[in-house]
Amino acid sequence: MSKYVLSDVNALVTRSAVNPDEFQQWQREGRHWISNDSLPGLGQPQAPSTDEVYSAWAKNAGTTEPGYAGLIVDEFPCDVDRTYYTPWTEAVVRLHETPSFAKRMYYAWCNELFSEEPSLALCRRVMELGYRFSWEVYLYEPPWEEAAQAMFGRRLRTPFEHWRAATPGIEAHMIVCLGYLSVPPESLNLNPGVDYQVFLDRQFEYLANEPTFFGV
């Protein structure tokens, strides 16, 4: 890990207990350690209360333990009943007001949240509080390069054009989370005729050069 991976990493996301020596070394090197948590109420038959959501996040190590850079919550969907977004949004605001969370970052791991007003309200609050989004875009290999370019337009450019129109300035709060899943049953590396590393590099190249993503 140290030789081949961590030299190119500036942030880690973990859910379980961490090795104190590794944690302290990571901090000394000026890198970020972020704690992961789930989204309370997701998959349940009715929306949670604001207290339920906030209490879960307030006791997470990313809120309570010294040295953590913040909390990333997995994940905000675009296909849930409107009533869920009110407590989720209110809990983010309460977390922002929590003294132990001061100067820490909140990351909303999410799908495309621009299509409904409740999720747009969350977007606006997250932006107002100076927090971030981690937008999942997990692309499987198409068989040829022209198909890849068309996919990038359909799955990356067009949705983000809509998102920027709905919430101007969101590019400064956006992390595009590309998929590198390569172990069944969750794998994007499906086509033996395509080099997945080249395909992943093409995605970074597209984000770096497509004007729609300027400022991300």
N, C-alpha and C. Protein backbone atom coordinates (compact mmCIF):
# COMPACT_ATOMS: atom_id res chain seq x y z
N MET A 1 0.83 -1.20 0.00
CA MET A 1 0.00 0.00 0.00
C MET A 1 0.87 1.26 0.00
N SER A 2 1.88 1.29 0.86
CA SER A 2 2.73 2.48 0.93
C SER A 2 3.49 2.71 -0.37
N LYS A 3 3.96 1.63 -0.98
CA LYS A 3 4.79 1.76 -2.17
C LYS A 3 3.98 2.10 -3.42
N TYR A 4 2.82 1.46 -3.59
CA TYR A 4 2.12 1.56 -4.86
C TYR A 4 0.85 2.42 -4.84
N VAL A 5 0.29 2.68 -3.65
CA VAL A 5 -1.01 3.36 -3.60
C VAL A 5 -0.96 4.67 -2.82
N LEU A 6 -0.51 4.60 -1.56
CA LEU A 6 -0.68 5.74 -0.66
C LEU A 6 0.14 6.96 -1.05
N SER A 7 1.18 6.77 -1.82
CA SER A 7 1.97 7.92 -2.25
C SER A 7 1.18 8.86 -3.15
N ASP A 8 0.10 8.35 -3.76
CA ASP A 8 -0.73 9.16 -4.66
C ASP A 8 -2.07 9.52 -4.05
N VAL A 9 -2.21 9.38 -2.74
CA VAL A 9 -3.49 9.59 -2.08
C VAL A 9 -3.37 10.74 -1.08
N ASN A 10 -4.34 11.65 -1.08
CA ASN A 10 -4.32 12.73 -0.09
C ASN A 10 -5.48 12.65 0.90
N ALA A 11 -6.35 11.67 0.75
CA ALA A 11 -7.46 11.50 1.69
C ALA A 11 -7.85 10.03 1.77
N LEU A 12 -8.16 9.58 2.97
CA LEU A 12 -8.65 8.22 3.19
C LEU A 12 -10.04 8.29 3.80
N VAL A 13 -10.89 7.36 3.42
CA VAL A 13 -12.22 7.20 4.01
C VAL A 13 -12.28 5.84 4.67
N THR A 14 -12.57 5.81 5.98
CA THR A 14 -12.68 4.54 6.69
C THR A 14 -13.92 4.53 7.56
N ARG A 15 -14.37 3.32 7.90
CA ARG A 15 -15.54 3.17 8.75
C ARG A 15 -15.17 2.57 10.11
N SER A 16 -14.17 1.72 10.15
CA SER A 16 -13.82 1.00 11.37
C SER A 16 -12.74 1.73 12.15
N ALA A 17 -12.33 1.15 13.27
CA ALA A 17 -11.28 1.74 14.09
C ALA A 17 -9.97 1.81 13.31
N VAL A 18 -9.17 2.82 13.63
CA VAL A 18 -7.94 3.03 12.88
C VAL A 18 -6.72 2.77 13.76
N ASN A 19 -5.59 2.48 13.13
CA ASN A 19 -4.33 2.31 13.83
C ASN A 19 -3.81 3.69 14.22
N PRO A 20 -3.61 3.97 15.52
CA PRO A 20 -3.21 5.32 15.94
C PRO A 20 -1.91 5.80 15.30
N ASP A 21 -0.93 4.91 15.16
CA ASP A 21 0.34 5.32 14.56
C ASP A 21 0.15 5.75 13.11
N GLU A 22 -0.64 4.98 12.36
CA GLU A 22 -0.89 5.32 10.96
C GLU A 22 -1.69 6.62 10.86
N PHE A 23 -2.64 6.78 11.76
CA PHE A 23 -3.48 7.98 11.78
C PHE A 23 -2.62 9.22 12.02
N GLN A 24 -1.75 9.15 13.00
CA GLN A 24 -0.89 10.29 13.33
C GLN A 24 0.11 10.59 12.23
N GLN A 25 0.65 9.53 11.62
CA GLN A 25 1.57 9.74 10.51
C GLN A 25 0.86 10.45 9.36
N TRP A 26 -0.34 10.02 9.06
CA TRP A 26 -1.13 10.61 7.98
C TRP A 26 -1.35 12.10 8.24
N GLN A 27 -1.65 12.46 9.50
CA GLN A 27 -1.85 13.86 9.85
C GLN A 27 -0.56 14.66 9.72
N ARG A 28 0.55 14.09 10.17
CA ARG A 28 1.83 14.79 10.07
C ARG A 28 2.19 15.11 8.63
N GLU A 29 1.75 14.27 7.72
CA GLU A 29 2.02 14.48 6.30
C GLU A 29 1.03 15.45 5.66
N GLY A 30 0.11 15.99 6.46
CA GLY A 30 -0.84 16.99 5.97
C GLY A 30 -1.98 16.42 5.15
N ARG A 31 -2.27 15.13 5.33
CA ARG A 31 -3.33 14.49 4.56
C ARG A 31 -4.58 14.32 5.41
N HIS A 32 -5.70 14.07 4.76
CA HIS A 32 -7.00 14.04 5.42
C HIS A 32 -7.47 12.61 5.68
N TRP A 33 -8.03 12.40 6.86
CA TRP A 33 -8.66 11.13 7.22
C TRP A 33 -10.13 11.42 7.51
N ILE A 34 -11.01 10.80 6.74
CA ILE A 34 -12.45 11.08 6.81
C ILE A 34 -13.17 9.83 7.28
N SER A 35 -14.16 10.02 8.13
CA SER A 35 -14.95 8.89 8.62
C SER A 35 -16.23 8.75 7.80
N ASN A 36 -16.59 7.51 7.52
CA ASN A 36 -17.78 7.21 6.74
C ASN A 36 -18.96 6.90 7.67
N ASP A 37 -20.16 7.25 7.24
CA ASP A 37 -21.37 6.87 7.98
C ASP A 37 -22.49 6.64 6.98
N SER A 38 -23.51 5.94 7.44
CA SER A 38 -24.66 5.66 6.58
C SER A 38 -25.68 6.79 6.66
N LEU A 39 -26.65 6.75 5.78
CA LEU A 39 -27.72 7.74 5.75
C LEU A 39 -28.93 7.17 6.50
N PRO A 40 -29.21 7.63 7.72
CA PRO A 40 -30.32 7.07 8.51
C PRO A 40 -31.65 7.19 7.77
N GLY A 41 -32.40 6.11 7.80
CA GLY A 41 -33.71 6.08 7.16
C GLY A 41 -33.70 5.52 5.76
N LEU A 42 -32.54 5.43 5.15
CA LEU A 42 -32.47 4.91 3.79
C LEU A 42 -32.88 3.43 3.79
N GLY A 43 -33.83 3.08 2.94
CA GLY A 43 -34.32 1.71 2.87
C GLY A 43 -35.40 1.38 3.87
N GLN A 44 -35.77 2.33 4.73
CA GLN A 44 -36.84 2.11 5.70
C GLN A 44 -38.18 2.57 5.12
N PRO A 45 -39.30 2.03 5.62
CA PRO A 45 -40.60 2.33 5.03
C PRO A 45 -41.10 3.74 5.28
N GLN A 46 -40.52 4.45 6.26
CA GLN A 46 -40.93 5.83 6.50
C GLN A 46 -39.73 6.69 6.85
N ALA A 47 -39.88 7.98 6.68
CA ALA A 47 -38.77 8.89 6.91
C ALA A 47 -38.38 8.93 8.38
N PRO A 48 -37.09 9.07 8.68
CA PRO A 48 -36.64 9.19 10.06
C PRO A 48 -36.92 10.59 10.59
N SER A 49 -36.78 10.76 11.88
CA SER A 49 -36.88 12.10 12.45
C SER A 49 -35.53 12.80 12.34
N THR A 50 -35.55 14.11 12.46
CA THR A 50 -34.29 14.85 12.45
C THR A 50 -33.39 14.42 13.59
N ASP A 51 -33.96 14.15 14.76
CA ASP A 51 -33.18 13.71 15.91
C ASP A 51 -32.47 12.39 15.63
N GLU A 52 -33.17 11.45 14.98
CA GLU A 52 -32.56 10.16 14.67
C GLU A 52 -31.36 10.32 13.74
N VAL A 53 -31.51 11.17 12.75
CA VAL A 53 -30.42 11.37 11.79
C VAL A 53 -29.25 12.07 12.47
N TYR A 54 -29.54 13.14 13.18
CA TYR A 54 -28.47 13.92 13.81
C TYR A 54 -27.73 13.10 14.86
N SER A 55 -28.45 12.35 15.68
CA SER A 55 -27.80 11.60 16.76
C SER A 55 -26.83 10.57 16.20
N ALA A 56 -27.14 9.97 15.05
CA ALA A 56 -26.23 9.00 14.43
C ALA A 56 -24.94 9.68 13.98
N TRP A 57 -25.06 10.82 13.33
CA TRP A 57 -23.88 11.53 12.84
C TRP A 57 -23.08 12.17 13.98
N ALA A 58 -23.79 12.62 15.02
CA ALA A 58 -23.11 13.34 16.11
C ALA A 58 -22.20 12.44 16.92
N LYS A 59 -22.45 11.13 16.92
CA LYS A 59 -21.61 10.21 17.68
C LYS A 59 -20.56 9.51 16.81
N ASN A 60 -20.52 9.84 15.53
CA ASN A 60 -19.51 9.26 14.63
C ASN A 60 -18.13 9.82 14.96
N ALA A 61 -17.10 8.99 14.77
CA ALA A 61 -15.73 9.43 15.05
C ALA A 61 -15.35 10.67 14.25
N GLY A 62 -15.92 10.84 13.06
CA GLY A 62 -15.63 12.01 12.25
C GLY A 62 -16.11 13.30 12.88
N THR A 63 -17.02 13.18 13.86
CA THR A 63 -17.52 14.34 14.60
C THR A 63 -16.85 14.46 15.96
N THR A 64 -16.63 13.34 16.62
CA THR A 64 -16.22 13.36 18.03
C THR A 64 -14.72 13.25 18.26
N GLU A 65 -13.98 12.55 17.38
CA GLU A 65 -12.58 12.26 17.64
C GLU A 65 -11.66 13.32 17.04
N PRO A 66 -10.63 13.71 17.78
CA PRO A 66 -9.68 14.71 17.24
C PRO A 66 -8.91 14.16 16.05
N GLY A 67 -8.59 15.05 15.14
CA GLY A 67 -7.75 14.69 14.01
C GLY A 67 -8.49 14.36 12.74
N TYR A 68 -9.77 13.99 12.84
CA TYR A 68 -10.53 13.67 11.63
C TYR A 68 -10.84 14.95 10.85
N ALA A 69 -10.81 14.83 9.52
CA ALA A 69 -11.10 15.98 8.67
C ALA A 69 -12.59 16.18 8.45
N GLY A 70 -13.38 15.16 8.78
CA GLY A 70 -14.81 15.30 8.60
C GLY A 70 -15.52 13.98 8.44
N LEU A 71 -16.72 14.07 7.83
CA LEU A 71 -17.64 12.94 7.75
C LEU A 71 -18.19 12.86 6.33
N ILE A 72 -18.21 11.65 5.77
CA ILE A 72 -18.85 11.43 4.48
C ILE A 72 -20.01 10.47 4.67
N VAL A 73 -21.19 10.84 4.16
CA VAL A 73 -22.42 10.08 4.38
C VAL A 73 -22.84 9.40 3.08
N ASP A 74 -23.11 8.12 3.19
CA ASP A 74 -23.32 7.23 2.04
C ASP A 74 -24.73 6.64 2.09
N GLU A 75 -25.65 6.94 1.18
CA GLU A 75 -25.54 7.91 0.11
C GLU A 75 -26.91 8.53 -0.13
N PHE A 76 -26.96 9.73 -0.64
CA PHE A 76 -28.22 10.43 -0.88
C PHE A 76 -28.77 10.03 -2.25
N PRO A 77 -29.97 9.45 -2.28
CA PRO A 77 -30.53 8.96 -3.55
C PRO A 77 -31.38 10.03 -4.23
N CYS A 78 -31.73 9.77 -5.48
CA CYS A 78 -32.63 10.68 -6.21
C CYS A 78 -34.02 10.07 -6.37
N ASP A 79 -34.24 8.87 -5.85
CA ASP A 79 -35.51 8.18 -6.07
C ASP A 79 -36.16 7.79 -4.74
N VAL A 80 -36.28 8.77 -3.82
CA VAL A 80 -36.86 8.50 -2.52
C VAL A 80 -37.99 9.49 -2.29
N ASP A 81 -38.94 9.14 -1.43
CA ASP A 81 -40.06 10.02 -1.14
C ASP A 81 -39.58 11.37 -0.64
N ARG A 82 -40.29 12.42 -1.01
CA ARG A 82 -39.90 13.79 -0.68
C ARG A 82 -39.75 14.02 0.82
N THR A 83 -40.50 13.28 1.64
CA THR A 83 -40.50 13.54 3.08
C THR A 83 -39.17 13.20 3.75
N TYR A 84 -38.33 12.41 3.11
CA TYR A 84 -37.05 12.02 3.72
C TYR A 84 -36.06 13.19 3.73
N TYR A 85 -36.16 14.06 2.76
CA TYR A 85 -35.14 15.09 2.62
C TYR A 85 -35.22 16.19 3.67
N THR A 86 -36.38 16.42 4.25
CA THR A 86 -36.48 17.44 5.29
C THR A 86 -35.63 17.09 6.51
N PRO A 87 -35.79 15.90 7.13
CA PRO A 87 -34.93 15.58 8.28
C PRO A 87 -33.46 15.46 7.91
N TRP A 88 -33.15 14.95 6.73
CA TRP A 88 -31.75 14.86 6.32
C TRP A 88 -31.12 16.26 6.25
N THR A 89 -31.85 17.20 5.64
CA THR A 89 -31.33 18.56 5.51
C THR A 89 -31.21 19.24 6.87
N GLU A 90 -32.22 19.08 7.71
CA GLU A 90 -32.18 19.69 9.03
C GLU A 90 -31.03 19.13 9.87
N ALA A 91 -30.74 17.84 9.71
CA ALA A 91 -29.65 17.23 10.47
C ALA A 91 -28.30 17.77 10.03
N VAL A 92 -28.12 18.04 8.74
CA VAL A 92 -26.88 18.64 8.27
C VAL A 92 -26.67 20.01 8.91
N VAL A 93 -27.75 20.79 9.00
CA VAL A 93 -27.65 22.11 9.62
C VAL A 93 -27.29 21.98 11.10
N ARG A 94 -27.91 21.06 11.81
CA ARG A 94 -27.59 20.86 13.23
C ARG A 94 -26.15 20.40 13.41
N LEU A 95 -25.68 19.55 12.51
CA LEU A 95 -24.28 19.10 12.60
C LEU A 95 -23.34 20.29 12.42
N HIS A 96 -23.67 21.17 11.51
CA HIS A 96 -22.86 22.36 11.29
C HIS A 96 -22.77 23.21 12.55
N GLU A 97 -23.83 23.21 13.35
CA GLU A 97 -23.88 24.01 14.57
C GLU A 97 -23.25 23.30 15.77
N THR A 98 -22.80 22.07 15.59
CA THR A 98 -22.19 21.29 16.67
C THR A 98 -20.74 21.72 16.86
N PRO A 99 -20.37 22.16 18.08
CA PRO A 99 -19.01 22.68 18.29
C PRO A 99 -17.90 21.71 17.88
N SER A 100 -18.08 20.42 18.16
CA SER A 100 -17.01 19.46 17.84
C SER A 100 -16.83 19.27 16.34
N PHE A 101 -17.82 19.71 15.54
CA PHE A 101 -17.71 19.56 14.08
C PHE A 101 -17.15 20.82 13.42
N ALA A 102 -16.88 21.83 14.21
CA ALA A 102 -16.35 23.08 13.65
C ALA A 102 -15.06 22.82 12.89
N LYS A 103 -14.92 23.47 11.74
CA LYS A 103 -13.73 23.37 10.88
C LYS A 103 -13.56 21.98 10.27
N ARG A 104 -14.61 21.16 10.33
CA ARG A 104 -14.57 19.87 9.64
C ARG A 104 -15.48 19.91 8.42
N MET A 105 -15.25 18.99 7.52
CA MET A 105 -15.98 18.98 6.26
C MET A 105 -17.03 17.88 6.24
N TYR A 106 -18.20 18.21 5.73
CA TYR A 106 -19.28 17.24 5.51
C TYR A 106 -19.36 16.95 4.01
N TYR A 107 -19.34 15.66 3.67
CA TYR A 107 -19.42 15.23 2.28
C TYR A 107 -20.71 14.44 2.08
N ALA A 108 -21.53 14.88 1.15
CA ALA A 108 -22.75 14.16 0.80
C ALA A 108 -22.46 13.27 -0.41
N TRP A 109 -22.26 11.98 -0.15
CA TRP A 109 -22.09 11.01 -1.24
C TRP A 109 -23.45 10.86 -1.90
N CYS A 110 -23.56 11.04 -3.21
CA CYS A 110 -24.91 11.21 -3.76
C CYS A 110 -25.01 10.75 -5.21
N ASN A 111 -26.27 10.61 -5.60
CA ASN A 111 -26.63 10.48 -7.00
C ASN A 111 -27.01 11.87 -7.52
N GLU A 112 -27.71 11.93 -8.64
CA GLU A 112 -28.05 13.22 -9.26
C GLU A 112 -29.24 13.83 -8.53
N LEU A 113 -29.00 14.91 -7.78
CA LEU A 113 -29.99 15.46 -6.86
C LEU A 113 -30.69 16.70 -7.39
N PHE A 114 -30.59 16.96 -8.69
CA PHE A 114 -31.13 18.20 -9.22
C PHE A 114 -32.55 18.08 -9.76
N SER A 115 -33.12 16.88 -9.77
CA SER A 115 -34.40 16.69 -10.46
C SER A 115 -35.63 16.96 -9.60
N GLU A 116 -35.48 16.99 -8.26
CA GLU A 116 -36.63 17.21 -7.37
C GLU A 116 -36.31 18.34 -6.40
N GLU A 117 -37.34 19.11 -6.02
CA GLU A 117 -37.12 20.26 -5.16
C GLU A 117 -36.57 19.89 -3.78
N PRO A 118 -37.05 18.83 -3.10
CA PRO A 118 -36.48 18.51 -1.78
C PRO A 118 -34.98 18.23 -1.82
N SER A 119 -34.53 17.48 -2.82
CA SER A 119 -33.09 17.21 -2.90
C SER A 119 -32.33 18.46 -3.34
N LEU A 120 -32.97 19.32 -4.14
CA LEU A 120 -32.34 20.59 -4.49
C LEU A 120 -32.18 21.48 -3.26
N ALA A 121 -33.17 21.42 -2.35
CA ALA A 121 -33.07 22.20 -1.11
C ALA A 121 -31.86 21.73 -0.29
N LEU A 122 -31.63 20.41 -0.26
CA LEU A 122 -30.44 19.89 0.41
C LEU A 122 -29.18 20.42 -0.27
N CYS A 123 -29.13 20.39 -1.60
CA CYS A 123 -27.97 20.90 -2.33
C CYS A 123 -27.66 22.33 -1.93
N ARG A 124 -28.70 23.15 -1.89
CA ARG A 124 -28.48 24.57 -1.58
C ARG A 124 -27.96 24.75 -0.17
N ARG A 125 -28.47 23.99 0.79
CA ARG A 125 -28.00 24.11 2.16
C ARG A 125 -26.57 23.62 2.30
N VAL A 126 -26.25 22.52 1.66
CA VAL A 126 -24.88 22.00 1.71
C VAL A 126 -23.91 23.04 1.15
N MET A 127 -24.30 23.68 0.06
CA MET A 127 -23.46 24.72 -0.52
C MET A 127 -23.34 25.92 0.40
N GLU A 128 -24.45 26.37 0.98
CA GLU A 128 -24.44 27.52 1.87
C GLU A 128 -23.52 27.31 3.06
N LEU A 129 -23.45 26.07 3.54
CA LEU A 129 -22.63 25.75 4.71
C LEU A 129 -21.17 25.49 4.34
N GLY A 130 -20.86 25.53 3.05
CA GLY A 130 -19.48 25.35 2.60
C GLY A 130 -19.05 23.91 2.51
N TYR A 131 -20.00 22.97 2.44
CA TYR A 131 -19.68 21.56 2.41
C TYR A 131 -19.57 21.05 0.98
N ARG A 132 -19.40 19.73 0.83
CA ARG A 132 -19.08 19.14 -0.46
C ARG A 132 -20.05 18.02 -0.84
N PHE A 133 -20.07 17.74 -2.14
CA PHE A 133 -20.78 16.60 -2.70
C PHE A 133 -19.77 15.63 -3.29
N SER A 134 -20.03 14.35 -3.17
CA SER A 134 -19.25 13.32 -3.86
C SER A 134 -20.22 12.58 -4.77
N TRP A 135 -20.21 12.94 -6.05
CA TRP A 135 -21.19 12.47 -7.03
C TRP A 135 -20.71 11.16 -7.64
N GLU A 136 -21.46 10.11 -7.41
CA GLU A 136 -21.12 8.79 -7.96
C GLU A 136 -21.40 8.74 -9.46
N VAL A 137 -20.37 8.45 -10.24
CA VAL A 137 -20.55 8.18 -11.66
C VAL A 137 -19.73 6.93 -11.98
N TYR A 138 -20.40 5.79 -11.99
CA TYR A 138 -19.72 4.52 -12.16
C TYR A 138 -19.99 3.99 -13.58
N LEU A 139 -19.01 4.08 -14.42
CA LEU A 139 -19.18 3.78 -15.84
C LEU A 139 -18.53 2.45 -16.19
N TYR A 140 -19.26 1.60 -16.90
CA TYR A 140 -18.72 0.34 -17.39
C TYR A 140 -18.06 0.56 -18.75
N GLU A 141 -17.20 -0.34 -19.14
CA GLU A 141 -16.45 -0.19 -20.39
C GLU A 141 -17.35 -0.39 -21.62
N PRO A 142 -17.43 0.58 -22.50
CA PRO A 142 -18.05 0.33 -23.81
C PRO A 142 -17.02 -0.33 -24.73
N PRO A 143 -17.46 -0.91 -25.83
CA PRO A 143 -16.53 -1.70 -26.65
C PRO A 143 -15.57 -0.88 -27.52
N TRP A 144 -15.87 0.41 -27.79
CA TRP A 144 -14.98 1.20 -28.64
C TRP A 144 -14.98 2.65 -28.17
N GLU A 145 -13.97 3.40 -28.62
CA GLU A 145 -13.72 4.73 -28.07
C GLU A 145 -14.84 5.71 -28.38
N GLU A 146 -15.43 5.62 -29.58
CA GLU A 146 -16.52 6.54 -29.91
C GLU A 146 -17.70 6.36 -28.95
N ALA A 147 -17.95 5.11 -28.58
CA ALA A 147 -19.03 4.84 -27.63
C ALA A 147 -18.69 5.40 -26.25
N ALA A 148 -17.41 5.37 -25.90
CA ALA A 148 -16.99 5.93 -24.62
C ALA A 148 -17.23 7.43 -24.59
N GLN A 149 -16.87 8.13 -25.67
CA GLN A 149 -17.07 9.58 -25.71
C GLN A 149 -18.56 9.93 -25.63
N ALA A 150 -19.40 9.14 -26.30
CA ALA A 150 -20.84 9.37 -26.22
C ALA A 150 -21.34 9.14 -24.80
N MET A 151 -20.81 8.11 -24.13
CA MET A 151 -21.20 7.84 -22.76
C MET A 151 -20.80 8.99 -21.84
N PHE A 152 -19.61 9.55 -22.05
CA PHE A 152 -19.16 10.65 -21.20
C PHE A 152 -20.11 11.85 -21.33
N GLY A 153 -20.55 12.11 -22.54
CA GLY A 153 -21.49 13.20 -22.73
C GLY A 153 -22.82 12.94 -22.05
N ARG A 154 -23.28 11.71 -22.19
CA ARG A 154 -24.60 11.34 -21.64
C ARG A 154 -24.60 11.22 -20.13
N ARG A 155 -23.54 10.64 -19.56
CA ARG A 155 -23.52 10.34 -18.13
C ARG A 155 -22.79 11.38 -17.29
N LEU A 156 -21.93 12.18 -17.92
CA LEU A 156 -21.17 13.18 -17.18
C LEU A 156 -21.60 14.60 -17.54
N ARG A 157 -21.40 14.99 -18.82
CA ARG A 157 -21.63 16.38 -19.20
C ARG A 157 -23.08 16.82 -19.05
N THR A 158 -24.00 16.08 -19.66
CA THR A 158 -25.40 16.52 -19.66
C THR A 158 -25.99 16.62 -18.26
N PRO A 159 -25.83 15.61 -17.39
CA PRO A 159 -26.36 15.76 -16.03
C PRO A 159 -25.75 16.95 -15.30
N PHE A 160 -24.44 17.18 -15.48
CA PHE A 160 -23.83 18.28 -14.74
C PHE A 160 -24.25 19.63 -15.29
N GLU A 161 -24.54 19.71 -16.56
CA GLU A 161 -25.11 20.95 -17.11
C GLU A 161 -26.44 21.27 -16.42
N HIS A 162 -27.28 20.26 -16.24
CA HIS A 162 -28.56 20.47 -15.55
C HIS A 162 -28.32 20.87 -14.09
N TRP A 163 -27.36 20.23 -13.45
CA TRP A 163 -27.07 20.50 -12.04
C TRP A 163 -26.59 21.94 -11.86
N ARG A 164 -25.68 22.38 -12.72
CA ARG A 164 -25.16 23.75 -12.62
C ARG A 164 -26.26 24.77 -12.88
N ALA A 165 -27.18 24.44 -13.80
CA ALA A 165 -28.28 25.37 -14.08
C ALA A 165 -29.22 25.49 -12.88
N ALA A 166 -29.43 24.37 -12.19
CA ALA A 166 -30.34 24.37 -11.04
C ALA A 166 -29.71 24.97 -9.79
N THR A 167 -28.40 24.78 -9.63
CA THR A 167 -27.69 25.28 -8.44
C THR A 167 -26.38 25.93 -8.88
N PRO A 168 -26.45 27.17 -9.34
CA PRO A 168 -25.24 27.85 -9.80
C PRO A 168 -24.17 27.88 -8.71
N GLY A 169 -22.95 27.60 -9.11
CA GLY A 169 -21.83 27.59 -8.18
C GLY A 169 -21.52 26.24 -7.58
N ILE A 170 -22.30 25.22 -7.94
CA ILE A 170 -22.09 23.90 -7.32
C ILE A 170 -20.75 23.29 -7.72
N GLU A 171 -20.17 23.76 -8.83
CA GLU A 171 -18.91 23.18 -9.27
C GLU A 171 -17.80 23.34 -8.23
N ALA A 172 -17.86 24.41 -7.44
CA ALA A 172 -16.84 24.63 -6.41
C ALA A 172 -17.02 23.72 -5.21
N HIS A 173 -18.13 22.98 -5.16
CA HIS A 173 -18.43 22.08 -4.04
C HIS A 173 -18.46 20.62 -4.48
N MET A 174 -18.09 20.36 -5.73
CA MET A 174 -18.33 19.04 -6.32
C MET A 174 -17.06 18.22 -6.46
N ILE A 175 -17.13 16.98 -5.98
CA ILE A 175 -16.13 15.95 -6.26
C ILE A 175 -16.80 14.92 -7.15
N VAL A 176 -16.22 14.62 -8.28
CA VAL A 176 -16.76 13.58 -9.16
C VAL A 176 -16.09 12.26 -8.75
N CYS A 177 -16.90 11.34 -8.26
CA CYS A 177 -16.41 10.07 -7.75
C CYS A 177 -16.55 9.01 -8.85
N LEU A 178 -15.46 8.77 -9.57
CA LEU A 178 -15.46 7.78 -10.64
C LEU A 178 -15.34 6.38 -10.06
N GLY A 179 -15.93 5.42 -10.73
CA GLY A 179 -15.89 4.04 -10.25
C GLY A 179 -14.66 3.30 -10.73
N TYR A 180 -14.09 2.49 -9.84
CA TYR A 180 -13.00 1.60 -10.24
C TYR A 180 -13.27 0.19 -9.74
N LEU A 181 -14.55 -0.15 -9.59
CA LEU A 181 -14.94 -1.46 -9.09
C LEU A 181 -14.49 -2.53 -10.09
N SER A 182 -13.77 -3.52 -9.59
CA SER A 182 -13.21 -4.51 -10.52
C SER A 182 -13.24 -5.93 -9.96
N VAL A 183 -14.08 -6.17 -8.96
CA VAL A 183 -14.21 -7.50 -8.40
C VAL A 183 -15.69 -7.89 -8.40
N PRO A 184 -16.06 -9.01 -9.05
CA PRO A 184 -17.46 -9.44 -9.04
C PRO A 184 -17.96 -9.64 -7.61
N PRO A 185 -19.25 -9.37 -7.33
CA PRO A 185 -20.30 -9.05 -8.30
C PRO A 185 -20.38 -7.59 -8.69
N GLU A 186 -19.57 -6.71 -8.09
CA GLU A 186 -19.57 -5.29 -8.46
C GLU A 186 -18.33 -5.00 -9.28
N SER A 187 -18.49 -5.02 -10.59
CA SER A 187 -17.34 -4.79 -11.45
C SER A 187 -17.74 -3.95 -12.65
N LEU A 188 -16.92 -2.98 -12.98
CA LEU A 188 -17.07 -2.19 -14.19
C LEU A 188 -16.11 -2.65 -15.27
N ASN A 189 -15.19 -3.53 -14.88
CA ASN A 189 -14.17 -4.07 -15.79
C ASN A 189 -14.72 -5.33 -16.43
N LEU A 190 -15.56 -5.15 -17.45
CA LEU A 190 -16.36 -6.26 -17.98
C LEU A 190 -15.90 -6.76 -19.34
N ASN A 191 -15.23 -5.91 -20.10
CA ASN A 191 -14.95 -6.24 -21.49
C ASN A 191 -13.48 -6.63 -21.65
N PRO A 192 -13.18 -7.89 -21.95
CA PRO A 192 -11.78 -8.31 -22.09
C PRO A 192 -11.07 -7.67 -23.26
N GLY A 193 -11.81 -7.05 -24.17
CA GLY A 193 -11.20 -6.36 -25.31
C GLY A 193 -10.84 -4.92 -25.03
N VAL A 194 -11.13 -4.44 -23.81
CA VAL A 194 -10.86 -3.05 -23.45
C VAL A 194 -9.93 -3.02 -22.23
N ASP A 195 -8.93 -2.16 -22.28
CA ASP A 195 -8.03 -1.97 -21.13
C ASP A 195 -8.71 -1.01 -20.16
N TYR A 196 -9.12 -1.52 -19.00
CA TYR A 196 -9.91 -0.68 -18.08
C TYR A 196 -9.10 0.50 -17.57
N GLN A 197 -7.78 0.34 -17.39
CA GLN A 197 -6.97 1.45 -16.92
C GLN A 197 -6.95 2.59 -17.93
N VAL A 198 -6.91 2.26 -19.20
CA VAL A 198 -6.98 3.28 -20.24
C VAL A 198 -8.35 3.96 -20.22
N PHE A 199 -9.40 3.18 -20.06
CA PHE A 199 -10.76 3.73 -20.00
C PHE A 199 -10.91 4.68 -18.81
N LEU A 200 -10.36 4.32 -17.66
CA LEU A 200 -10.43 5.19 -16.48
C LEU A 200 -9.64 6.47 -16.72
N ASP A 201 -8.48 6.34 -17.35
CA ASP A 201 -7.68 7.52 -17.68
C ASP A 201 -8.44 8.45 -18.62
N ARG A 202 -9.19 7.89 -19.56
CA ARG A 202 -10.00 8.69 -20.47
C ARG A 202 -11.04 9.51 -19.70
N GLN A 203 -11.59 8.94 -18.63
CA GLN A 203 -12.58 9.67 -17.84
C GLN A 203 -11.95 10.89 -17.17
N PHE A 204 -10.77 10.71 -16.58
CA PHE A 204 -10.08 11.85 -15.97
C PHE A 204 -9.73 12.91 -17.02
N GLU A 205 -9.30 12.45 -18.19
CA GLU A 205 -8.96 13.37 -19.27
C GLU A 205 -10.19 14.18 -19.70
N TYR A 206 -11.34 13.52 -19.75
CA TYR A 206 -12.57 14.20 -20.14
C TYR A 206 -12.95 15.27 -19.11
N LEU A 207 -12.88 14.92 -17.83
CA LEU A 207 -13.22 15.87 -16.78
C LEU A 207 -12.27 17.07 -16.79
N ALA A 208 -11.01 16.83 -17.12
CA ALA A 208 -10.02 17.91 -17.12
C ALA A 208 -10.18 18.86 -18.30
N ASN A 209 -10.78 18.41 -19.39
CA ASN A 209 -10.81 19.19 -20.62
C ASN A 209 -12.20 19.65 -21.05
N GLU A 210 -13.25 19.02 -20.56
CA GLU A 210 -14.61 19.42 -20.92
C GLU A 210 -14.97 20.72 -20.17
N PRO A 211 -15.30 21.82 -20.90
CA PRO A 211 -15.57 23.10 -20.24
C PRO A 211 -16.68 23.06 -19.19
N THR A 212 -17.63 22.14 -19.34
CA THR A 212 -18.72 22.06 -18.38
C THR A 212 -18.20 21.85 -16.96
N PHE A 213 -17.04 21.21 -16.82
CA PHE A 213 -16.52 20.86 -15.51
C PHE A 213 -15.48 21.87 -15.00
N PHE A 214 -15.35 23.01 -15.66
CA PHE A 214 -14.41 24.00 -15.17
C PHE A 214 -14.81 24.45 -13.77
N GLY A 215 -13.86 24.43 -12.85
CA GLY A 215 -14.13 24.82 -11.48
C GLY A 215 -14.40 23.68 -10.55
N VAL A 216 -14.58 22.46 -11.08
CA VAL A 216 -14.81 21.30 -10.21
C VAL A 216 -13.54 21.01 -9.44
